[in-house]
Each structure stands twice: as C-alpha cells, then as structure tokens.
Amino acid sequence: MTTELPPVRRIVTGHDASGKAVVIDDGTLQARSTPAGTSHLTLVWTSLGTPIDNDDAIDGKDRPVDLTLPGGSVIRTVDMMPGTTAPMHRTNSLDYGIVISGEIELLLDDEASTLCRPGDIVIQRGTIHSWRNPSADTIARVAFVLLDAKPATVNGAPLPDIHPASVGRR
C-alpha cells in the first residue's frame, strides 16, 4: 500500500538587526506533481552566483528555475512513485543525490543499474542517467543539490543538456 510522505519542512536562518542568528522561516513546502504524475517535486532553495550572497533578500524557493539554475544552485526533493522510471536526462551540473527514504535505482545509458538505499549519496557529474523506483508499494524520497557546472566533454566536444519535458519551469 502506497502512503504519501510528509511534506518537506524547511528551516531558514538569517540575522536580526543586531546581528544575532535567528530562524526567519520554519514551515512546510508544497510539492508539485510532474505532468506524468510519476514524481512530486519540492523546490527547497536556489541561489545565484559564487560566492553566494547571504544578504540576498529573495526567498530561494521563489526564484524561477528549470531543472537546474545556470550560474547558481538548486536543492529540491523528489518523491518518486512506486514502479516508475524518470526519463533519461543530462544537465550541465554537478548533482548530489541523497536518498532519504525508500530505494531508487540509478540507470545509466550503458544499461548499468545501481541500487541506492537510504543514506546513500550519488555524485552525478554531467552524465546521462535516469532514476527508477523498483518498489511496488513504497514512495522513494531523494534530495538533490544541483550546482551549475561546465559541460562534460568527450574527445574535446561538450556533451549537450538533455532535459526531460516532465520537469519544466517552476
């Protein structure tokens, strides 16, 4: 039996007028379903440039973003429905995928498959890949941190982005 996962709770810190560290936001975030309904995405935060400007007054979840953010970073969670597979894709980014709950398979274009369990971390370096939830009844939750990067190259030629149509702009 598939049960929904709880909403993602986000806690954001900042400073008060005297420079004391404070929590400026503590709440749950609304997930958005992909058009195919195979995953629910929760955009947690984005940032622009490096070094990052910690005085930027924009709430990072409100910045328009596609799958990645050129010149910036993105953190989102993906709740993948049981038995579903994401489209193959590649981005010009360095991605850290942290499995929070359930199990998920990393699929590569050489047909390799690697099972990832809670606590496992995948470092995705501009390769074409997909994700599959092998469970018949358990939602898998993965947190993804995506950092803008130069494209990977093969024989001196940059590899192009391949974005799945199911993600789209926020």
Protein backbone atom coordinates (compact mmCIF):
# COMPACT_ATOMS: atom_id res chain seq x y z
CA MET A 1 0.00 0.00 0.00
CA THR A 2 1.43 3.36 -1.07
CA THR A 3 1.23 6.13 1.51
CA GLU A 4 2.09 9.77 0.96
CA LEU A 5 5.28 11.04 2.54
CA PRO A 6 5.04 14.02 4.89
CA PRO A 7 5.65 17.46 3.40
CA VAL A 8 9.21 18.76 3.41
CA ARG A 9 9.89 21.05 6.36
CA ARG A 10 12.27 23.92 5.58
CA ILE A 11 14.03 25.99 8.24
CA VAL A 12 15.80 29.13 7.04
CA THR A 13 18.16 31.16 9.22
CA GLY A 14 19.24 34.77 8.99
CA HIS A 15 20.17 37.66 11.28
CA ASP A 16 18.23 40.19 13.29
CA ALA A 17 19.10 43.91 13.31
CA SER A 18 21.78 43.36 15.98
CA GLY A 19 23.47 40.54 14.03
CA LYS A 20 22.11 37.72 16.18
CA ALA A 21 21.34 34.47 14.30
CA VAL A 22 17.60 33.81 14.07
CA VAL A 23 15.19 31.49 12.31
CA ILE A 24 13.41 33.62 9.71
CA ASP A 25 11.19 30.89 8.25
CA ASP A 26 10.07 27.50 9.52
CA GLY A 27 7.35 25.73 7.61
CA THR A 28 6.38 23.01 5.21
CA LEU A 29 6.60 23.35 1.45
CA GLN A 30 4.07 22.46 -1.21
CA ALA A 31 5.14 19.72 -3.63
CA ARG A 32 4.22 19.88 -7.30
CA SER A 33 3.43 16.84 -9.38
CA THR A 34 5.18 16.25 -12.70
CA PRO A 35 2.79 16.21 -15.68
CA ALA A 36 3.11 12.40 -15.92
CA GLY A 37 2.31 12.09 -12.20
CA THR A 38 5.31 9.84 -11.59
CA SER A 39 7.02 12.19 -9.13
CA HIS A 40 6.32 15.06 -6.76
CA LEU A 41 8.95 17.82 -6.70
CA THR A 42 9.54 20.20 -3.81
CA LEU A 43 11.78 23.18 -4.54
CA VAL A 44 13.54 23.99 -1.27
CA TRP A 45 16.03 26.74 -2.19
CA THR A 46 18.03 28.28 -5.01
CA SER A 47 20.97 30.67 -5.10
CA LEU A 48 22.75 32.67 -7.78
CA GLY A 49 26.49 33.02 -8.34
CA THR A 50 29.51 32.16 -6.26
CA PRO A 51 30.37 33.10 -3.72
CA ILE A 52 26.73 33.09 -2.67
CA ASP A 53 25.32 36.35 -1.32
CA ASN A 54 23.90 35.54 2.13
CA ASP A 55 22.34 39.03 2.21
CA ASP A 56 20.16 38.25 -0.84
CA ALA A 57 16.63 39.09 0.34
CA ILE A 58 14.91 36.78 -2.18
CA ASP A 59 13.37 33.63 -0.74
CA GLY A 60 15.28 30.98 -2.67
CA LYS A 61 12.16 28.89 -3.28
CA ASP A 62 10.55 31.77 -5.17
CA ARG A 63 13.28 32.19 -7.84
CA PRO A 64 12.20 30.92 -11.31
CA VAL A 65 14.13 27.74 -12.07
CA ASP A 66 14.14 24.90 -14.57
CA LEU A 67 15.73 21.56 -13.73
CA THR A 68 18.97 23.45 -12.98
CA LEU A 69 19.80 27.13 -12.50
CA PRO A 70 22.58 28.46 -14.77
CA GLY A 71 25.08 30.32 -12.62
CA GLY A 72 23.53 29.02 -9.43
CA SER A 73 22.44 26.15 -7.24
CA VAL A 74 19.18 24.30 -6.58
CA ILE A 75 18.05 21.98 -3.81
CA ARG A 76 14.82 20.05 -4.25
CA THR A 77 13.34 16.81 -3.07
CA VAL A 78 11.84 14.28 -5.44
CA ASP A 79 9.24 11.80 -4.23
CA MET A 80 9.20 9.07 -6.86
CA MET A 81 6.09 6.93 -7.07
CA PRO A 82 6.40 3.13 -6.86
CA GLY A 83 7.30 1.30 -10.07
CA THR A 84 8.02 4.46 -12.07
CA THR A 85 11.04 5.47 -14.15
CA ALA A 86 12.17 9.02 -14.91
CA PRO A 87 13.17 9.93 -18.48
CA MET A 88 16.87 9.80 -19.35
CA HIS A 89 18.43 13.22 -18.92
CA ARG A 90 21.75 15.08 -18.63
CA THR A 91 22.43 18.53 -17.23
CA ASN A 92 25.49 20.75 -17.15
CA SER A 93 25.66 20.47 -13.40
CA LEU A 94 27.30 18.65 -10.54
CA ASP A 95 24.49 16.90 -8.65
CA TYR A 96 24.46 15.35 -5.20
CA GLY A 97 21.57 12.91 -4.77
CA ILE A 98 20.92 11.86 -1.17
CA VAL A 99 18.45 9.01 -0.68
CA ILE A 100 16.24 9.82 2.30
CA SER A 101 13.68 7.01 2.21
CA GLY A 102 12.77 4.06 0.02
CA GLU A 103 15.10 2.68 -2.63
CA ILE A 104 15.94 4.05 -6.04
CA GLU A 105 17.95 2.68 -8.94
CA LEU A 106 20.45 4.83 -10.83
CA LEU A 107 20.24 3.87 -14.51
CA LEU A 108 22.97 4.83 -16.99
CA ASP A 109 22.99 4.73 -20.78
CA ASP A 110 25.37 1.75 -20.77
CA GLU A 111 22.44 -0.16 -19.19
CA ALA A 112 24.20 -0.28 -15.79
CA SER A 113 21.89 -0.17 -12.78
CA THR A 114 22.93 0.67 -9.22
CA LEU A 115 20.53 0.26 -6.29
CA CYS A 116 20.66 3.15 -3.81
CA ARG A 117 19.28 2.87 -0.27
CA PRO A 118 18.57 5.45 2.46
CA GLY A 119 21.77 7.26 3.39
CA ASP A 120 23.45 6.56 0.03
CA ILE A 121 24.77 9.58 -1.88
CA VAL A 122 25.19 9.69 -5.66
CA ILE A 123 27.55 12.24 -7.22
CA GLN A 124 26.28 12.86 -10.74
CA ARG A 125 28.93 14.53 -12.95
CA GLY A 126 27.18 15.57 -16.15
CA THR A 127 26.33 12.02 -17.26
CA ILE A 128 23.13 10.92 -18.96
CA HIS A 129 21.05 8.99 -16.45
CA SER A 130 17.62 8.08 -15.17
CA TRP A 131 16.08 7.01 -11.87
CA ARG A 132 13.72 4.11 -11.22
CA ASN A 133 11.76 3.28 -8.10
CA PRO A 134 11.82 -0.55 -8.08
CA SER A 135 9.29 -0.88 -5.26
CA ALA A 136 5.71 -1.94 -5.98
CA ASP A 137 4.34 -0.05 -2.97
CA THR A 138 6.84 2.41 -1.43
CA ILE A 139 7.49 6.01 -2.45
CA ALA A 140 11.20 6.89 -2.62
CA ARG A 141 12.37 10.34 -1.46
CA VAL A 142 15.67 11.76 -2.70
CA ALA A 143 17.14 15.21 -2.01
CA PHE A 144 19.05 16.64 -4.97
CA VAL A 145 21.55 19.51 -4.78
CA LEU A 146 22.42 20.75 -8.28
CA LEU A 147 25.36 23.10 -8.86
CA ASP A 148 25.89 24.78 -12.23
CA ALA A 149 28.95 23.30 -13.97
CA LYS A 150 30.81 23.34 -17.25
CA PRO A 151 29.61 20.59 -19.60
CA ALA A 152 31.40 17.26 -19.52
CA THR A 153 33.42 16.68 -22.69
CA VAL A 154 34.27 13.63 -24.78
CA ASN A 155 37.11 13.91 -27.30
CA GLY A 156 37.12 17.67 -26.73
CA ALA A 157 33.44 18.14 -27.57
CA PRO A 158 30.99 19.31 -24.88
CA LEU A 159 28.05 16.99 -24.17
CA PRO A 160 24.67 18.72 -24.54
CA ASP A 161 21.99 19.10 -21.89
CA ILE A 162 19.10 16.69 -22.34
CA HIS A 163 16.18 17.86 -20.22
CA PRO A 164 13.08 15.75 -19.67
CA ALA A 165 9.89 17.51 -20.71
CA SER A 166 8.24 16.45 -17.44
CA VAL A 167 10.19 18.90 -15.25
CA GLY A 168 9.60 22.29 -16.85
CA ARG A 169 9.86 25.68 -15.18
CA ARG A 170 8.64 26.37 -11.71
